[in-house]
Amino acid sequence: MSSAIIFVKHNDGKAKTIAEAIISFLEKQGISTSFSDLNAELAIVVGGDGTFLGAVRALNEFYSDKKSLPPVLGVNTGSLGFLTESSITGWESVLKKGLEGGFNIEERSMLDVCVGDKHYVVLNDVVVNRNSVARMIDFDVHYNGEFVANTKADGVIVSTPTGSTAYSLAAGGPIMHPSIPAFVITPVSPHTLTNRPIVVADTGEIEITVKKDAEDILVTLDGQKGVCCNSDNIITVKRASRMLKLIRPQDVTYFDILKNKLSFGKRG
């Protein structure tokens, strides 16, 4: 390994200080570093989950569909840190062990989202809702061409297992282990009690069709990028052609993350 790109949370003095320490460490190992050269063999994100999602989106936009993304390590300086799992005191150990004996890599599925003639790749989720006023939308959902449901709701979320602990969870969706080859479709505040989240295999294609000439629909990608569309657009979602290679600390399990970040399984 000879090169690494560093993504740093903007206007975060702590993240900047840690990034400088990481650069010093890597350069002592003979690894060149950059804040802008995306053509690297390793990516390190210093910040929170939002910084991580933005970095993954930048990497996906840079690399062609046929090329694998470099493995990505997240160093958490934010408040939650589901994706930036390495601590501000533990990153050096993770890098040292990885460079000496190989990184502990966990592959995560991503979404290929098509709006009109534009394609986007996201790690967490895609949300379809109103762009302005707080009104319900009327939409149909199909899976592999089969009709699933017509729903009136504030919106709908399609998430990966990685994104199942984000907006989908807040909207009542299930937690999915990252190894499960599935996506979850979660209506946001549905108008009927019969509309509930549904888990589908990630080998199929999801189609969302907004009805009744809605002209102010917003498709939000990973909670960061918004794409406007109307009822003439069918939003299609399927598994992206490549996986994210997430570098994880060897001594931390997914369930440790749930307990530490969400108090999962704790009583009282």
C-alpha atoms as a PDB file:
ATOM      1  CA  MET A   1       0.000   0.000   0.000  1.00  0.00           C
ATOM      2  CA  SER A   2       1.510   3.278  -1.105  1.00  0.00           C
ATOM      3  CA  SER A   3      -1.183   5.991  -1.006  1.00  0.00           C
ATOM      4  CA  ALA A   4      -4.091   7.188   1.113  1.00  0.00           C
ATOM      5  CA  ILE A   5      -6.695   9.931   0.880  1.00  0.00           C
ATOM      6  CA  ILE A   6      -7.877  11.691   4.029  1.00  0.00           C
ATOM      7  CA  PHE A   7     -11.394  13.128   4.395  1.00  0.00           C
ATOM      8  CA  VAL A   8     -11.794  15.556   7.295  1.00  0.00           C
ATOM      9  CA  LYS A   9     -14.921  17.106   8.786  1.00  0.00           C
ATOM     10  CA  HIS A  10     -15.011  20.785   7.898  1.00  0.00           C
ATOM     11  CA  ASN A  11     -14.517  23.357  10.654  1.00  0.00           C
ATOM     12  CA  ASP A  12     -13.678  20.675  13.214  1.00  0.00           C
ATOM     13  CA  GLY A  13     -10.448  21.459  15.057  1.00  0.00           C
ATOM     14  CA  LYS A  14     -10.316  18.058  16.745  1.00  0.00           C
ATOM     15  CA  ALA A  15     -10.730  16.247  13.414  1.00  0.00           C
ATOM     16  CA  LYS A  16      -8.009  18.372  11.834  1.00  0.00           C
ATOM     17  CA  THR A  17      -5.580  17.598  14.674  1.00  0.00           C
ATOM     18  CA  ILE A  18      -6.244  13.862  14.418  1.00  0.00           C
ATOM     19  CA  ALA A  19      -5.884  13.977  10.630  1.00  0.00           C
ATOM     20  CA  GLU A  20      -2.474  15.579  10.998  1.00  0.00           C
ATOM     21  CA  ALA A  21      -1.420  12.818  13.393  1.00  0.00           C
ATOM     22  CA  ILE A  22      -2.673  10.143  10.950  1.00  0.00           C
ATOM     23  CA  ILE A  23      -0.753  11.754   8.088  1.00  0.00           C
ATOM     24  CA  SER A  24       2.428  11.787  10.164  1.00  0.00           C
ATOM     25  CA  PHE A  25       1.941   8.111  11.073  1.00  0.00           C
ATOM     26  CA  LEU A  26       1.289   7.032   7.482  1.00  0.00           C
ATOM     27  CA  GLU A  27       4.193   8.966   6.028  1.00  0.00           C
ATOM     28  CA  LYS A  28       6.516   7.259   8.514  1.00  0.00           C
ATOM     29  CA  GLN A  29       5.289   3.986   6.995  1.00  0.00           C
ATOM     30  CA  GLY A  30       6.190   5.249   3.515  1.00  0.00           C
ATOM     31  CA  ILE A  31       2.568   5.908   2.524  1.00  0.00           C
ATOM     32  CA  SER A  32       1.870   9.160   0.679  1.00  0.00           C
ATOM     33  CA  THR A  33      -1.235  11.091   1.723  1.00  0.00           C
ATOM     34  CA  SER A  34      -3.561  13.611   0.117  1.00  0.00           C
ATOM     35  CA  PHE A  35      -6.775  15.492   0.836  1.00  0.00           C
ATOM     36  CA  SER A  36      -7.842  15.513  -2.808  1.00  0.00           C
ATOM     37  CA  ASP A  37      -6.346  12.592  -4.775  1.00  0.00           C
ATOM     38  CA  LEU A  38      -9.223  10.104  -4.897  1.00  0.00           C
ATOM     39  CA  ASN A  39      -7.080   7.608  -6.811  1.00  0.00           C
ATOM     40  CA  ALA A  40      -5.742   6.069  -3.594  1.00  0.00           C
ATOM     41  CA  GLU A  41      -5.375   2.580  -2.129  1.00  0.00           C
ATOM     42  CA  LEU A  42      -6.814   3.521   1.266  1.00  0.00           C
ATOM     43  CA  ALA A  43      -9.385   6.088   2.408  1.00  0.00           C
ATOM     44  CA  ILE A  44      -9.564   7.443   5.944  1.00  0.00           C
ATOM     45  CA  VAL A  45     -12.479   9.553   7.169  1.00  0.00           C
ATOM     46  CA  VAL A  46     -12.019  11.714  10.262  1.00  0.00           C
ATOM     47  CA  GLY A  47     -15.296  13.114  11.543  1.00  0.00           C
ATOM     48  CA  GLY A  48     -18.794  11.753  12.020  1.00  0.00           C
ATOM     49  CA  ASP A  49     -21.170   9.573  10.035  1.00  0.00           C
ATOM     50  CA  GLY A  50     -22.173  12.506   7.825  1.00  0.00           C
ATOM     51  CA  THR A  51     -18.560  13.034   6.809  1.00  0.00           C
ATOM     52  CA  PHE A  52     -18.264   9.305   6.130  1.00  0.00           C
ATOM     53  CA  LEU A  53     -21.353   9.233   3.889  1.00  0.00           C
ATOM     54  CA  GLY A  54     -20.096  12.235   1.924  1.00  0.00           C
ATOM     55  CA  ALA A  55     -16.712  10.564   1.455  1.00  0.00           C
ATOM     56  CA  VAL A  56     -18.276   7.343   0.164  1.00  0.00           C
ATOM     57  CA  ARG A  57     -20.416   9.328  -2.265  1.00  0.00           C
ATOM     58  CA  ALA A  58     -17.330  11.179  -3.543  1.00  0.00           C
ATOM     59  CA  LEU A  59     -15.483   7.890  -4.053  1.00  0.00           C
ATOM     60  CA  ASN A  60     -18.440   6.377  -5.910  1.00  0.00           C
ATOM     61  CA  GLU A  61     -18.646   9.387  -8.214  1.00  0.00           C
ATOM     62  CA  PHE A  62     -14.919   9.193  -8.979  1.00  0.00           C
ATOM     63  CA  TYR A  63     -14.462   5.487  -9.641  1.00  0.00           C
ATOM     64  CA  SER A  64     -15.988   3.755 -12.651  1.00  0.00           C
ATOM     65  CA  ASP A  65     -18.617   1.097 -11.982  1.00  0.00           C
ATOM     66  CA  LYS A  66     -16.172  -1.692 -12.809  1.00  0.00           C
ATOM     67  CA  LYS A  67     -13.489  -0.626 -10.333  1.00  0.00           C
ATOM     68  CA  SER A  68     -13.543  -1.490  -6.648  1.00  0.00           C
ATOM     69  CA  LEU A  69     -13.493   1.275  -4.087  1.00  0.00           C
ATOM     70  CA  PRO A  70     -10.500   1.470  -1.756  1.00  0.00           C
ATOM     71  CA  PRO A  71     -11.135   0.185   1.783  1.00  0.00           C
ATOM     72  CA  VAL A  72     -12.419   2.938   4.067  1.00  0.00           C
ATOM     73  CA  LEU A  73     -11.583   3.515   7.733  1.00  0.00           C
ATOM     74  CA  GLY A  74     -13.713   5.867   9.807  1.00  0.00           C
ATOM     75  CA  VAL A  75     -12.297   7.692  12.843  1.00  0.00           C
ATOM     76  CA  ASN A  76     -15.052   9.134  14.991  1.00  0.00           C
ATOM     77  CA  THR A  77     -14.995  12.704  16.289  1.00  0.00           C
ATOM     78  CA  GLY A  78     -18.781  13.067  16.141  1.00  0.00           C
ATOM     79  CA  SER A  79     -21.546  12.178  18.578  1.00  0.00           C
ATOM     80  CA  LEU A  80     -22.735   8.813  17.225  1.00  0.00           C
ATOM     81  CA  GLY A  81     -20.227   7.040  15.020  1.00  0.00           C
ATOM     82  CA  PHE A  82     -22.032   4.035  13.541  1.00  0.00           C
ATOM     83  CA  LEU A  83     -19.771   4.137  10.490  1.00  0.00           C
ATOM     84  CA  THR A  84     -16.766   5.920  11.972  1.00  0.00           C
ATOM     85  CA  GLU A  85     -16.122   3.127  14.445  1.00  0.00           C
ATOM     86  CA  SER A  86     -12.470   3.734  15.328  1.00  0.00           C
ATOM     87  CA  SER A  87     -11.995   6.018  18.313  1.00  0.00           C
ATOM     88  CA  ILE A  88      -9.703   9.020  18.497  1.00  0.00           C
ATOM     89  CA  THR A  89      -7.365   6.893  20.628  1.00  0.00           C
ATOM     90  CA  GLY A  90      -7.736   3.615  18.729  1.00  0.00           C
ATOM     91  CA  TRP A  91      -7.045   4.524  15.087  1.00  0.00           C
ATOM     92  CA  GLU A  92      -3.286   4.002  15.345  1.00  0.00           C
ATOM     93  CA  SER A  93      -3.702   0.432  16.577  1.00  0.00           C
ATOM     94  CA  VAL A  94      -6.173  -0.324  13.764  1.00  0.00           C
ATOM     95  CA  LEU A  95      -3.811   1.076  11.119  1.00  0.00           C
ATOM     96  CA  LYS A  96      -0.739  -0.612  12.560  1.00  0.00           C
ATOM     97  CA  LYS A  97      -2.398  -4.037  12.724  1.00  0.00           C
ATOM     98  CA  GLY A  98      -3.920  -3.584   9.279  1.00  0.00           C
ATOM     99  CA  LEU A  99      -0.691  -2.544   7.578  1.00  0.00           C
ATOM    100  CA  GLU A 100       1.216  -5.387   9.216  1.00  0.00           C
ATOM    101  CA  GLY A 101      -1.227  -8.265   8.911  1.00  0.00           C
ATOM    102  CA  GLY A 102      -4.158  -7.106   6.792  1.00  0.00           C
ATOM    103  CA  PHE A 103      -7.225  -5.083   7.656  1.00  0.00           C
ATOM    104  CA  ASN A 104     -10.423  -6.496   9.140  1.00  0.00           C
ATOM    105  CA  ILE A 105     -12.742  -5.671   6.241  1.00  0.00           C
ATOM    106  CA  GLU A 106     -16.524  -6.002   6.245  1.00  0.00           C
ATOM    107  CA  GLU A 107     -18.329  -5.587   2.941  1.00  0.00           C
ATOM    108  CA  ARG A 108     -21.453  -3.436   2.946  1.00  0.00           C
ATOM    109  CA  SER A 109     -24.057  -3.306   0.171  1.00  0.00           C
ATOM    110  CA  MET A 110     -25.014   0.017  -1.406  1.00  0.00           C
ATOM    111  CA  LEU A 111     -28.008   1.315  -3.367  1.00  0.00           C
ATOM    112  CA  ASP A 112     -28.060   2.228  -7.045  1.00  0.00           C
ATOM    113  CA  VAL A 113     -30.775   4.889  -7.323  1.00  0.00           C
ATOM    114  CA  CYS A 114     -32.169   6.018 -10.667  1.00  0.00           C
ATOM    115  CA  VAL A 115     -34.190   9.250 -10.935  1.00  0.00           C
ATOM    116  CA  GLY A 116     -35.065  10.030 -14.534  1.00  0.00           C
ATOM    117  CA  ASP A 117     -31.854   9.471 -16.497  1.00  0.00           C
ATOM    118  CA  LYS A 118     -29.551  10.084 -13.523  1.00  0.00           C
ATOM    119  CA  HIS A 119     -27.914   7.371 -11.418  1.00  0.00           C
ATOM    120  CA  TYR A 120     -26.617   7.753  -7.875  1.00  0.00           C
ATOM    121  CA  VAL A 121     -24.934   5.339  -5.463  1.00  0.00           C
ATOM    122  CA  VAL A 122     -25.641   5.685  -1.741  1.00  0.00           C
ATOM    123  CA  LEU A 123     -24.656   3.720   1.339  1.00  0.00           C
ATOM    124  CA  ASN A 124     -27.488   4.331   3.796  1.00  0.00           C
ATOM    125  CA  ASP A 125     -30.830   5.144   2.232  1.00  0.00           C
ATOM    126  CA  VAL A 126     -32.983   6.955  -0.287  1.00  0.00           C
ATOM    127  CA  VAL A 127     -36.037   8.899   0.885  1.00  0.00           C
ATOM    128  CA  VAL A 128     -38.952  10.065  -1.277  1.00  0.00           C
ATOM    129  CA  ASN A 129     -41.145  12.826   0.179  1.00  0.00           C
ATOM    130  CA  ARG A 130     -42.478  16.332  -0.391  1.00  0.00           C
ATOM    131  CA  ASN A 131     -40.014  19.098  -1.156  1.00  0.00           C
ATOM    132  CA  SER A 132     -41.862  21.866   0.661  1.00  0.00           C
ATOM    133  CA  VAL A 133     -45.136  21.721   2.553  1.00  0.00           C
ATOM    134  CA  ALA A 134     -45.824  18.978   5.076  1.00  0.00           C
ATOM    135  CA  ARG A 135     -48.394  17.042   3.071  1.00  0.00           C
ATOM    136  CA  MET A 136     -48.808  13.347   2.367  1.00  0.00           C
ATOM    137  CA  ILE A 137     -47.869  11.800  -0.947  1.00  0.00           C
ATOM    138  CA  ASP A 138     -49.671   8.999  -2.746  1.00  0.00           C
ATOM    139  CA  PHE A 139     -47.335   6.400  -4.220  1.00  0.00           C
ATOM    140  CA  ASP A 140     -47.201   2.845  -5.527  1.00  0.00           C
ATOM    141  CA  VAL A 141     -44.392   0.410  -4.723  1.00  0.00           C
ATOM    142  CA  HIS A 142     -43.438  -2.462  -7.024  1.00  0.00           C
ATOM    143  CA  TYR A 143     -40.780  -5.125  -6.467  1.00  0.00           C
ATOM    144  CA  ASN A 144     -39.456  -6.968  -9.510  1.00  0.00           C
ATOM    145  CA  GLY A 145     -42.498  -5.761 -11.416  1.00  0.00           C
ATOM    146  CA  GLU A 146     -44.924  -7.142  -8.819  1.00  0.00           C
ATOM    147  CA  PHE A 147     -47.294  -4.722  -7.115  1.00  0.00           C
ATOM    148  CA  VAL A 148     -46.500  -4.397  -3.387  1.00  0.00           C
ATOM    149  CA  ALA A 149     -48.724  -1.612  -2.073  1.00  0.00           C
ATOM    150  CA  ASN A 150     -50.334   1.737  -2.650  1.00  0.00           C
ATOM    151  CA  THR A 151     -49.534   4.008   0.257  1.00  0.00           C
ATOM    152  CA  LYS A 152     -50.493   7.469   1.426  1.00  0.00           C
ATOM    153  CA  ALA A 153     -47.794   8.700   3.784  1.00  0.00           C
ATOM    154  CA  ASP A 154     -45.351  11.495   4.477  1.00  0.00           C
ATOM    155  CA  GLY A 155     -42.842   9.563   2.395  1.00  0.00           C
ATOM    156  CA  VAL A 156     -41.033   6.283   1.938  1.00  0.00           C
ATOM    157  CA  ILE A 157     -37.523   5.108   2.790  1.00  0.00           C
ATOM    158  CA  VAL A 158     -35.515   2.373   1.091  1.00  0.00           C
ATOM    159  CA  SER A 159     -32.479   1.481   3.167  1.00  0.00           C
ATOM    160  CA  THR A 160     -29.576  -0.923   3.178  1.00  0.00           C
ATOM    161  CA  PRO A 161     -28.754  -2.955   6.299  1.00  0.00           C
ATOM    162  CA  THR A 162     -26.158  -0.271   7.070  1.00  0.00           C
ATOM    163  CA  GLY A 163     -28.847   2.408   6.836  1.00  0.00           C
ATOM    164  CA  SER A 164     -31.396   0.432   8.828  1.00  0.00           C
ATOM    165  CA  THR A 165     -30.192   2.111  12.029  1.00  0.00           C
ATOM    166  CA  ALA A 166     -30.663   5.610  10.575  1.00  0.00           C
ATOM    167  CA  TYR A 167     -33.908   7.278   9.394  1.00  0.00           C
ATOM    168  CA  SER A 168     -35.618   3.936   8.763  1.00  0.00           C
ATOM    169  CA  LEU A 169     -35.210   2.944  12.407  1.00  0.00           C
ATOM    170  CA  ALA A 170     -36.640   6.287  13.572  1.00  0.00           C
ATOM    171  CA  ALA A 171     -39.641   5.668  11.282  1.00  0.00           C
ATOM    172  CA  GLY A 172     -40.308   2.251  12.819  1.00  0.00           C
ATOM    173  CA  GLY A 173     -38.212   0.016  10.585  1.00  0.00           C
ATOM    174  CA  PRO A 174     -36.249  -3.024  11.809  1.00  0.00           C
ATOM    175  CA  ILE A 175     -32.553  -3.243  12.597  1.00  0.00           C
ATOM    176  CA  MET A 176     -30.859  -5.450  10.006  1.00  0.00           C
ATOM    177  CA  HIS A 177     -27.463  -7.047  10.521  1.00  0.00           C
ATOM    178  CA  PRO A 178     -25.012  -5.826   7.832  1.00  0.00           C
ATOM    179  CA  SER A 179     -24.482  -9.362   6.528  1.00  0.00           C
ATOM    180  CA  ILE A 180     -28.143  -9.791   5.501  1.00  0.00           C
ATOM    181  CA  PRO A 181     -28.565  -9.504   1.690  1.00  0.00           C
ATOM    182  CA  ALA A 182     -31.742  -7.442   1.908  1.00  0.00           C
ATOM    183  CA  PHE A 183     -33.254  -3.974   1.823  1.00  0.00           C
ATOM    184  CA  VAL A 184     -36.067  -2.548   3.924  1.00  0.00           C
ATOM    185  CA  ILE A 185     -38.910  -0.421   2.549  1.00  0.00           C
ATOM    186  CA  THR A 186     -40.283   1.799   5.319  1.00  0.00           C
ATOM    187  CA  PRO A 187     -43.277   4.142   4.919  1.00  0.00           C
ATOM    188  CA  VAL A 188     -42.974   7.410   6.849  1.00  0.00           C
ATOM    189  CA  SER A 189     -46.057   8.108   8.981  1.00  0.00           C
ATOM    190  CA  PRO A 190     -48.485   6.084   6.802  1.00  0.00           C
ATOM    191  CA  HIS A 191     -52.142   7.069   6.891  1.00  0.00           C
ATOM    192  CA  THR A 192     -53.351   3.510   7.530  1.00  0.00           C
ATOM    193  CA  LEU A 193     -52.431   0.911  10.141  1.00  0.00           C
ATOM    194  CA  THR A 194     -51.959  -1.749   7.472  1.00  0.00           C
ATOM    195  CA  ASN A 195     -48.848  -0.189   5.911  1.00  0.00           C
ATOM    196  CA  ARG A 196     -45.762  -1.468   7.676  1.00  0.00           C
ATOM    197  CA  PRO A 197     -42.045  -1.835   6.834  1.00  0.00           C
ATOM    198  CA  ILE A 198     -41.209  -4.767   4.602  1.00  0.00           C
ATOM    199  CA  VAL A 199     -37.858  -6.496   4.034  1.00  0.00           C
ATOM    200  CA  VAL A 200     -37.037  -7.683   0.514  1.00  0.00           C
ATOM    201  CA  ALA A 201     -34.073  -9.495  -1.034  1.00  0.00           C
ATOM    202  CA  ASP A 202     -31.441  -7.149  -2.439  1.00  0.00           C
ATOM    203  CA  THR A 203     -31.347  -9.128  -5.687  1.00  0.00           C
ATOM    204  CA  GLY A 204     -34.549  -7.456  -6.882  1.00  0.00           C
ATOM    205  CA  GLU A 205     -35.471  -3.969  -8.105  1.00  0.00           C
ATOM    206  CA  ILE A 206     -37.777  -1.598  -6.248  1.00  0.00           C
ATOM    207  CA  GLU A 207     -39.901   0.913  -8.147  1.00  0.00           C
ATOM    208  CA  ILE A 208     -41.593   3.883  -6.484  1.00  0.00           C
ATOM    209  CA  THR A 209     -44.187   5.770  -8.513  1.00  0.00           C
ATOM    210  CA  VAL A 210     -45.607   8.995  -7.085  1.00  0.00           C
ATOM    211  CA  LYS A 211     -49.221   9.598  -8.176  1.00  0.00           C
ATOM    212  CA  LYS A 212     -51.645  12.505  -8.703  1.00  0.00           C
ATOM    213  CA  ASP A 213     -49.401  14.930 -10.547  1.00  0.00           C
ATOM    214  CA  ALA A 214     -47.179  15.770  -7.603  1.00  0.00           C
ATOM    215  CA  GLU A 215     -44.736  18.430  -8.799  1.00  0.00           C
ATOM    216  CA  ASP A 216     -42.718  19.014  -5.651  1.00  0.00           C
ATOM    217  CA  ILE A 217     -41.210  15.630  -4.854  1.00  0.00           C
ATOM    218  CA  LEU A 218     -37.732  15.441  -3.361  1.00  0.00           C
ATOM    219  CA  VAL A 219     -35.534  12.340  -3.514  1.00  0.00           C
ATOM    220  CA  THR A 220     -32.976  12.575  -0.709  1.00  0.00           C
ATOM    221  CA  LEU A 221     -29.798  10.510  -0.940  1.00  0.00           C
ATOM    222  CA  ASP A 222     -28.146   9.540   2.359  1.00  0.00           C
ATOM    223  CA  GLY A 223     -29.796  12.566   3.954  1.00  0.00           C
ATOM    224  CA  GLN A 224     -27.312  14.853   2.208  1.00  0.00           C
ATOM    225  CA  LYS A 225     -28.116  15.285  -1.476  1.00  0.00           C
ATOM    226  CA  GLY A 226     -31.555  16.206  -2.782  1.00  0.00           C
ATOM    227  CA  VAL A 227     -32.890  15.549  -6.283  1.00  0.00           C
ATOM    228  CA  CYS A 228     -36.191  17.135  -7.356  1.00  0.00           C
ATOM    229  CA  CYS A 229     -38.603  15.153  -9.504  1.00  0.00           C
ATOM    230  CA  ASN A 230     -42.315  14.900 -10.284  1.00  0.00           C
ATOM    231  CA  SER A 231     -44.896  12.245 -10.990  1.00  0.00           C
ATOM    232  CA  ASP A 232     -43.432  11.659 -14.460  1.00  0.00           C
ATOM    233  CA  ASN A 233     -40.396  10.060 -12.825  1.00  0.00           C
ATOM    234  CA  ILE A 234     -40.289   6.491 -11.581  1.00  0.00           C
ATOM    235  CA  ILE A 235     -37.654   6.118  -8.874  1.00  0.00           C
ATOM    236  CA  THR A 236     -35.908   2.763  -9.186  1.00  0.00           C
ATOM    237  CA  VAL A 237     -33.666   1.308  -6.509  1.00  0.00           C
ATOM    238  CA  LYS A 238     -31.464  -1.765  -6.729  1.00  0.00           C
ATOM    239  CA  ARG A 239     -28.235  -3.092  -5.294  1.00  0.00           C
ATOM    240  CA  ALA A 240     -25.147  -1.299  -6.573  1.00  0.00           C
ATOM    241  CA  SER A 241     -22.697  -3.294  -8.641  1.00  0.00           C
ATOM    242  CA  ARG A 242     -19.947  -3.062  -6.028  1.00  0.00           C
ATOM    243  CA  MET A 243     -19.647  -3.199  -2.254  1.00  0.00           C
ATOM    244  CA  LEU A 244     -18.146  -0.819   0.249  1.00  0.00           C
ATOM    245  CA  LYS A 245     -15.098  -2.250   2.008  1.00  0.00           C
ATOM    246  CA  LEU A 246     -15.446  -1.003   5.562  1.00  0.00           C
ATOM    247  CA  ILE A 247     -12.403  -1.347   7.814  1.00  0.00           C
ATOM    248  CA  ARG A 248     -13.533  -2.368  11.303  1.00  0.00           C
ATOM    249  CA  PRO A 249     -11.613  -2.653  14.573  1.00  0.00           C
ATOM    250  CA  GLN A 250     -10.948  -6.330  15.223  1.00  0.00           C
ATOM    251  CA  ASP A 251     -12.080  -6.193  18.841  1.00  0.00           C
ATOM    252  CA  VAL A 252     -15.484  -4.549  18.239  1.00  0.00           C
ATOM    253  CA  THR A 253     -18.589  -6.432  17.070  1.00  0.00           C
ATOM    254  CA  TYR A 254     -21.707  -5.024  15.414  1.00  0.00           C
ATOM    255  CA  PHE A 255     -23.661  -5.741  18.583  1.00  0.00           C
ATOM    256  CA  ASP A 256     -21.097  -3.803  20.602  1.00  0.00           C
ATOM    257  CA  ILE A 257     -21.852  -0.835  18.355  1.00  0.00           C
ATOM    258  CA  LEU A 258     -25.604  -1.221  18.932  1.00  0.00           C
ATOM    259  CA  LYS A 259     -25.108  -1.374  22.698  1.00  0.00           C
ATOM    260  CA  ASN A 260     -22.661   1.508  22.872  1.00  0.00           C
ATOM    261  CA  LYS A 261     -24.474   3.843  20.448  1.00  0.00           C
ATOM    262  CA  LEU A 262     -28.157   2.969  20.935  1.00  0.00           C
ATOM    263  CA  SER A 263     -28.152   1.265  24.367  1.00  0.00           C
ATOM    264  CA  PHE A 264     -29.552  -1.776  22.548  1.00  0.00           C
ATOM    265  CA  GLY A 265     -30.459  -4.622  24.902  1.00  0.00           C
ATOM    266  CA  LYS A 266     -29.947  -2.592  28.068  1.00  0.00           C
ATOM    267  CA  ARG A 267     -32.617  -2.538  30.760  1.00  0.00           C
ATOM    268  CA  GLY A 268     -33.777   0.529  32.578  1.00  0.00           C
END
